[in-house]
Amino acid sequence: LSQISASLLTVRSGVTNARVLPKVFSV
């Protein structure tokens, strides 16, 4: 991430836990 210009997050319905998203956005 630190070497690229932009990021797009893929979230899988029913699999990705919403509790991890704040950590992902922070990174």
PDB file of all heavy atoms in Angstrom:
ATOM      1  N   LEU A   1       0.819  -1.220   0.000  1.00  0.00           N
ATOM      2  CA  LEU A   1       0.000   0.000   0.000  1.00  0.00           C
ATOM      3  C   LEU A   1       0.848   1.263   0.000  1.00  0.00           C
ATOM      4  O   LEU A   1       0.494   2.247  -0.642  1.00  0.00           O
ATOM      5  CB  LEU A   1      -0.923   0.024   1.217  1.00  0.00           C
ATOM      6  CG  LEU A   1      -2.248  -0.681   1.097  1.00  0.00           C
ATOM      7  CD1 LEU A   1      -2.971  -0.666   2.442  1.00  0.00           C
ATOM      8  CD2 LEU A   1      -3.117  -0.086   0.023  1.00  0.00           C
ATOM      9  N   SER A   2       1.949   1.239   0.724  1.00  0.00           N
ATOM     10  CA  SER A   2       2.783   2.437   0.822  1.00  0.00           C
ATOM     11  C   SER A   2       3.482   2.765  -0.496  1.00  0.00           C
ATOM     12  O   SER A   2       4.039   3.848  -0.635  1.00  0.00           O
ATOM     13  CB  SER A   2       3.812   2.266   1.937  1.00  0.00           C
ATOM     14  OG  SER A   2       4.717   1.228   1.612  1.00  0.00           O
ATOM     15  N   GLN A   3       3.451   1.843  -1.454  1.00  0.00           N
ATOM     16  CA  GLN A   3       4.157   2.047  -2.716  1.00  0.00           C
ATOM     17  C   GLN A   3       3.230   2.316  -3.900  1.00  0.00           C
ATOM     18  O   GLN A   3       3.694   2.620  -4.990  1.00  0.00           O
ATOM     19  CB  GLN A   3       5.004   0.809  -3.031  1.00  0.00           C
ATOM     20  CG  GLN A   3       6.027   0.509  -1.961  1.00  0.00           C
ATOM     21  CD  GLN A   3       6.821  -0.718  -2.326  1.00  0.00           C
ATOM     22  OE1 GLN A   3       7.518  -0.736  -3.327  1.00  0.00           O
ATOM     23  NE2 GLN A   3       6.701  -1.750  -1.518  1.00  0.00           N
ATOM     24  N   ILE A   4       1.930   2.204  -3.707  1.00  0.00           N
ATOM     25  CA  ILE A   4       0.988   2.391  -4.818  1.00  0.00           C
ATOM     26  C   ILE A   4       0.206   3.681  -4.626  1.00  0.00           C
ATOM     27  O   ILE A   4       0.209   4.262  -3.536  1.00  0.00           O
ATOM     28  CB  ILE A   4       0.044   1.182  -4.971  1.00  0.00           C
ATOM     29  CG1 ILE A   4      -0.772   0.948  -3.712  1.00  0.00           C
ATOM     30  CG2 ILE A   4       0.843  -0.067  -5.335  1.00  0.00           C
ATOM     31  CD1 ILE A   4      -1.792  -0.170  -3.823  1.00  0.00           C
ATOM     32  N   SER A   5      -0.482   4.120  -5.660  1.00  0.00           N
ATOM     33  CA  SER A   5      -1.137   5.424  -5.593  1.00  0.00           C
ATOM     34  C   SER A   5      -2.559   5.388  -5.059  1.00  0.00           C
ATOM     35  O   SER A   5      -3.050   6.377  -4.538  1.00  0.00           O
ATOM     36  CB  SER A   5      -1.116   6.088  -6.966  1.00  0.00           C
ATOM     37  OG  SER A   5      -1.728   5.259  -7.920  1.00  0.00           O
ATOM     38  N   ALA A   6      -3.255   4.244  -5.175  1.00  0.00           N
ATOM     39  CA  ALA A   6      -4.640   4.187  -4.728  1.00  0.00           C
ATOM     40  C   ALA A   6      -5.010   2.758  -4.338  1.00  0.00           C
ATOM     41  O   ALA A   6      -4.371   1.809  -4.778  1.00  0.00           O
ATOM     42  CB  ALA A   6      -5.580   4.686  -5.822  1.00  0.00           C
ATOM     43  N   SER A   7      -6.046   2.651  -3.523  1.00  0.00           N
ATOM     44  CA  SER A   7      -6.493   1.325  -3.085  1.00  0.00           C
ATOM     45  C   SER A   7      -8.005   1.216  -3.178  1.00  0.00           C
ATOM     46  O   SER A   7      -8.732   2.196  -3.033  1.00  0.00           O
ATOM     47  CB  SER A   7      -6.025   1.045  -1.654  1.00  0.00           C
ATOM     48  OG  SER A   7      -6.557   1.993  -0.766  1.00  0.00           O
ATOM     49  N   LEU A   8      -8.437  -0.007  -3.414  1.00  0.00           N
ATOM     50  CA  LEU A   8      -9.851  -0.334  -3.516  1.00  0.00           C
ATOM     51  C   LEU A   8     -10.070  -1.575  -2.660  1.00  0.00           C
ATOM     52  O   LEU A   8      -9.411  -2.592  -2.858  1.00  0.00           O
ATOM     53  CB  LEU A   8     -10.213  -0.622  -4.981  1.00  0.00           C
ATOM     54  CG  LEU A   8     -11.637  -1.009  -5.303  1.00  0.00           C
ATOM     55  CD1 LEU A   8     -12.577   0.167  -5.025  1.00  0.00           C
ATOM     56  CD2 LEU A   8     -11.748  -1.413  -6.771  1.00  0.00           C
ATOM     57  N   LEU A   9     -10.954  -1.496  -1.707  1.00  0.00           N
ATOM     58  CA  LEU A   9     -11.199  -2.582  -0.768  1.00  0.00           C
ATOM     59  C   LEU A   9     -12.329  -3.469  -1.277  1.00  0.00           C
ATOM     60  O   LEU A   9     -13.375  -2.976  -1.683  1.00  0.00           O
ATOM     61  CB  LEU A   9     -11.576  -1.998   0.602  1.00  0.00           C
ATOM     62  CG  LEU A   9     -11.959  -2.970   1.693  1.00  0.00           C
ATOM     63  CD1 LEU A   9     -10.766  -3.853   2.082  1.00  0.00           C
ATOM     64  CD2 LEU A   9     -12.471  -2.215   2.912  1.00  0.00           C
ATOM     65  N   THR A  10     -12.107  -4.775  -1.251  1.00  0.00           N
ATOM     66  CA  THR A  10     -13.153  -5.734  -1.606  1.00  0.00           C
ATOM     67  C   THR A  10     -13.643  -6.403  -0.332  1.00  0.00           C
ATOM     68  O   THR A  10     -12.845  -6.911   0.452  1.00  0.00           O
ATOM     69  CB  THR A  10     -12.629  -6.803  -2.582  1.00  0.00           C
ATOM     70  OG1 THR A  10     -12.130  -6.146  -3.744  1.00  0.00           O
ATOM     71  CG2 THR A  10     -13.732  -7.755  -2.976  1.00  0.00           C
ATOM     72  N   VAL A  11     -14.944  -6.377  -0.121  1.00  0.00           N
ATOM     73  CA  VAL A  11     -15.567  -6.954   1.070  1.00  0.00           C
ATOM     74  C   VAL A  11     -16.530  -8.038   0.610  1.00  0.00           C
ATOM     75  O   VAL A  11     -17.369  -7.797  -0.260  1.00  0.00           O
ATOM     76  CB  VAL A  11     -16.335  -5.866   1.866  1.00  0.00           C
ATOM     77  CG1 VAL A  11     -17.067  -6.466   3.035  1.00  0.00           C
ATOM     78  CG2 VAL A  11     -15.382  -4.773   2.318  1.00  0.00           C
ATOM     79  N   ARG A  12     -16.393  -9.212   1.173  1.00  0.00           N
ATOM     80  CA  ARG A  12     -17.265 -10.326   0.789  1.00  0.00           C
ATOM     81  C   ARG A  12     -18.445 -10.410   1.740  1.00  0.00           C
ATOM     82  O   ARG A  12     -18.278 -10.584   2.948  1.00  0.00           O
ATOM     83  CB  ARG A  12     -16.483 -11.633   0.804  1.00  0.00           C
ATOM     84  CG  ARG A  12     -17.266 -12.777   0.232  1.00  0.00           C
ATOM     85  CD  ARG A  12     -16.376 -13.965   0.046  1.00  0.00           C
ATOM     86  NE  ARG A  12     -17.142 -15.080  -0.474  1.00  0.00           N
ATOM     87  CZ  ARG A  12     -16.693 -16.308  -0.524  1.00  0.00           C
ATOM     88  NH1 ARG A  12     -15.474 -16.582  -0.123  1.00  0.00           N
ATOM     89  NH2 ARG A  12     -17.454 -17.262  -0.993  1.00  0.00           N
ATOM     90  N   SER A  13     -19.630 -10.286   1.192  1.00  0.00           N
ATOM     91  CA  SER A  13     -20.855 -10.318   1.979  1.00  0.00           C
ATOM     92  C   SER A  13     -20.973 -11.635   2.747  1.00  0.00           C
ATOM     93  O   SER A  13     -20.783 -12.715   2.192  1.00  0.00           O
ATOM     94  CB  SER A  13     -22.061 -10.153   1.053  1.00  0.00           C
ATOM     95  OG  SER A  13     -23.261 -10.221   1.774  1.00  0.00           O
ATOM     96  N   GLY A  14     -21.268 -11.522   4.024  1.00  0.00           N
ATOM     97  CA  GLY A  14     -21.453 -12.697   4.858  1.00  0.00           C
ATOM     98  C   GLY A  14     -20.162 -13.338   5.337  1.00  0.00           C
ATOM     99  O   GLY A  14     -20.192 -14.294   6.105  1.00  0.00           O
ATOM    100  N   VAL A  15     -19.019 -12.821   4.889  1.00  0.00           N
ATOM    101  CA  VAL A  15     -17.722 -13.390   5.288  1.00  0.00           C
ATOM    102  C   VAL A  15     -16.877 -12.358   6.031  1.00  0.00           C
ATOM    103  O   VAL A  15     -16.345 -12.633   7.100  1.00  0.00           O
ATOM    104  CB  VAL A  15     -16.952 -13.933   4.064  1.00  0.00           C
ATOM    105  CG1 VAL A  15     -15.570 -14.412   4.458  1.00  0.00           C
ATOM    106  CG2 VAL A  15     -17.738 -15.044   3.385  1.00  0.00           C
ATOM    107  N   THR A  16     -16.747 -11.168   5.452  1.00  0.00           N
ATOM    108  CA  THR A  16     -15.950 -10.123   6.083  1.00  0.00           C
ATOM    109  C   THR A  16     -16.666  -9.627   7.335  1.00  0.00           C
ATOM    110  O   THR A  16     -17.821  -9.223   7.285  1.00  0.00           O
ATOM    111  CB  THR A  16     -15.716  -8.948   5.114  1.00  0.00           C
ATOM    112  OG1 THR A  16     -15.103  -9.443   3.931  1.00  0.00           O
ATOM    113  CG2 THR A  16     -14.838  -7.893   5.753  1.00  0.00           C
ATOM    114  N   ASN A  17     -15.963  -9.663   8.435  1.00  0.00           N
ATOM    115  CA  ASN A  17     -16.519  -9.224   9.707  1.00  0.00           C
ATOM    116  C   ASN A  17     -16.410  -7.705   9.800  1.00  0.00           C
ATOM    117  O   ASN A  17     -15.325  -7.141   9.634  1.00  0.00           O
ATOM    118  CB  ASN A  17     -15.745  -9.886  10.859  1.00  0.00           C
ATOM    119  CG  ASN A  17     -16.401  -9.674  12.192  1.00  0.00           C
ATOM    120  OD1 ASN A  17     -16.883  -8.596  12.492  1.00  0.00           O
ATOM    121  ND2 ASN A  17     -16.400 -10.713  12.995  1.00  0.00           N
ATOM    122  N   ALA A  18     -17.513  -7.039  10.072  1.00  0.00           N
ATOM    123  CA  ALA A  18     -17.540  -5.577  10.145  1.00  0.00           C
ATOM    124  C   ALA A  18     -16.607  -5.032  11.223  1.00  0.00           C
ATOM    125  O   ALA A  18     -16.136  -3.898  11.116  1.00  0.00           O
ATOM    126  CB  ALA A  18     -18.964  -5.090  10.394  1.00  0.00           C
ATOM    127  N   ARG A  19     -16.293  -5.842  12.219  1.00  0.00           N
ATOM    128  CA  ARG A  19     -15.410  -5.367  13.297  1.00  0.00           C
ATOM    129  C   ARG A  19     -13.977  -5.143  12.830  1.00  0.00           C
ATOM    130  O   ARG A  19     -13.239  -4.410  13.462  1.00  0.00           O
ATOM    131  CB  ARG A  19     -15.421  -6.345  14.465  1.00  0.00           C
ATOM    132  CG  ARG A  19     -16.752  -6.324  15.219  1.00  0.00           C
ATOM    133  CD  ARG A  19     -16.719  -7.266  16.372  1.00  0.00           C
ATOM    134  NE  ARG A  19     -16.711  -8.629  15.798  1.00  0.00           N
ATOM    135  CZ  ARG A  19     -16.705  -9.734  16.501  1.00  0.00           C
ATOM    136  NH1 ARG A  19     -16.682  -9.678  17.808  1.00  0.00           N
ATOM    137  NH2 ARG A  19     -16.715 -10.907  15.911  1.00  0.00           N
ATOM    138  N   VAL A  20     -13.557  -5.769  11.714  1.00  0.00           N
ATOM    139  CA  VAL A  20     -12.190  -5.588  11.226  1.00  0.00           C
ATOM    140  C   VAL A  20     -12.056  -4.347  10.344  1.00  0.00           C
ATOM    141  O   VAL A  20     -10.940  -3.884  10.100  1.00  0.00           O
ATOM    142  CB  VAL A  20     -11.660  -6.827  10.459  1.00  0.00           C
ATOM    143  CG1 VAL A  20     -11.715  -8.061  11.305  1.00  0.00           C
ATOM    144  CG2 VAL A  20     -12.370  -7.011   9.148  1.00  0.00           C
ATOM    145  N   LEU A  21     -13.153  -3.801   9.883  1.00  0.00           N
ATOM    146  CA  LEU A  21     -13.093  -2.680   8.944  1.00  0.00           C
ATOM    147  C   LEU A  21     -12.423  -1.435   9.518  1.00  0.00           C
ATOM    148  O   LEU A  21     -11.639  -0.794   8.805  1.00  0.00           O
ATOM    149  CB  LEU A  21     -14.475  -2.371   8.389  1.00  0.00           C
ATOM    150  CG  LEU A  21     -15.062  -3.480   7.501  1.00  0.00           C
ATOM    151  CD1 LEU A  21     -16.443  -3.096   7.009  1.00  0.00           C
ATOM    152  CD2 LEU A  21     -14.147  -3.813   6.340  1.00  0.00           C
ATOM    153  N   PRO A  22     -12.658  -1.043  10.769  1.00  0.00           N
ATOM    154  CA  PRO A  22     -11.919   0.117  11.290  1.00  0.00           C
ATOM    155  C   PRO A  22     -10.399  -0.076  11.242  1.00  0.00           C
ATOM    156  O   PRO A  22      -9.661   0.853  10.914  1.00  0.00           O
ATOM    157  CB  PRO A  22     -12.423   0.244  12.729  1.00  0.00           C
ATOM    158  CG  PRO A  22     -13.786  -0.355  12.690  1.00  0.00           C
ATOM    159  CD  PRO A  22     -13.682  -1.491  11.712  1.00  0.00           C
ATOM    160  N   LYS A  23      -9.933  -1.274  11.525  1.00  0.00           N
ATOM    161  CA  LYS A  23      -8.495  -1.573  11.453  1.00  0.00           C
ATOM    162  C   LYS A  23      -8.009  -1.456  10.009  1.00  0.00           C
ATOM    163  O   LYS A  23      -6.955  -0.880   9.736  1.00  0.00           O
ATOM    164  CB  LYS A  23      -8.240  -2.979  12.004  1.00  0.00           C
ATOM    165  CG  LYS A  23      -6.868  -3.537  11.752  1.00  0.00           C
ATOM    166  CD  LYS A  23      -5.816  -2.873  12.586  1.00  0.00           C
ATOM    167  CE  LYS A  23      -4.495  -3.633  12.418  1.00  0.00           C
ATOM    168  NZ  LYS A  23      -3.357  -2.823  12.667  1.00  0.00           N
ATOM    169  N   VAL A  24      -8.782  -1.988   9.079  1.00  0.00           N
ATOM    170  CA  VAL A  24      -8.419  -1.913   7.657  1.00  0.00           C
ATOM    171  C   VAL A  24      -8.324  -0.458   7.217  1.00  0.00           C
ATOM    172  O   VAL A  24      -7.348  -0.047   6.584  1.00  0.00           O
ATOM    173  CB  VAL A  24      -9.442  -2.684   6.788  1.00  0.00           C
ATOM    174  CG1 VAL A  24      -9.250  -2.387   5.319  1.00  0.00           C
ATOM    175  CG2 VAL A  24      -9.353  -4.170   7.064  1.00  0.00           C
ATOM    176  N   PHE A  25      -9.326   0.341   7.542  1.00  0.00           N
ATOM    177  CA  PHE A  25      -9.320   1.747   7.147  1.00  0.00           C
ATOM    178  C   PHE A  25      -8.160   2.502   7.791  1.00  0.00           C
ATOM    179  O   PHE A  25      -7.573   3.392   7.186  1.00  0.00           O
ATOM    180  CB  PHE A  25     -10.653   2.419   7.479  1.00  0.00           C
ATOM    181  CG  PHE A  25     -11.794   1.919   6.631  1.00  0.00           C
ATOM    182  CD1 PHE A  25     -12.960   1.469   7.203  1.00  0.00           C
ATOM    183  CD2 PHE A  25     -11.694   1.884   5.247  1.00  0.00           C
ATOM    184  CE1 PHE A  25     -14.008   1.005   6.427  1.00  0.00           C
ATOM    185  CE2 PHE A  25     -12.734   1.417   4.456  1.00  0.00           C
ATOM    186  CZ  PHE A  25     -13.896   0.982   5.050  1.00  0.00           C
ATOM    187  N   SER A  26      -7.807   2.138   9.007  1.00  0.00           N
ATOM    188  CA  SER A  26      -6.675   2.759   9.685  1.00  0.00           C
ATOM    189  C   SER A  26      -5.362   2.458   8.959  1.00  0.00           C
ATOM    190  O   SER A  26      -4.528   3.342   8.763  1.00  0.00           O
ATOM    191  CB  SER A  26      -6.602   2.258  11.133  1.00  0.00           C
ATOM    192  OG  SER A  26      -5.448   2.745  11.766  1.00  0.00           O
ATOM    193  N   VAL A  27      -5.174   1.219   8.551  1.00  0.00           N
ATOM    194  CA  VAL A  27      -3.960   0.838   7.813  1.00  0.00           C
ATOM    195  C   VAL A  27      -3.885   1.571   6.481  1.00  0.00           C
ATOM    196  O   VAL A  27      -2.827   2.084   6.099  1.00  0.00           O
ATOM    197  CB  VAL A  27      -3.891  -0.692   7.607  1.00  0.00           C
ATOM    198  CG1 VAL A  27      -2.753  -1.076   6.671  1.00  0.00           C
ATOM    199  CG2 VAL A  27      -3.757  -1.417   8.937  1.00  0.00           C
TER     200      VAL A  27
END
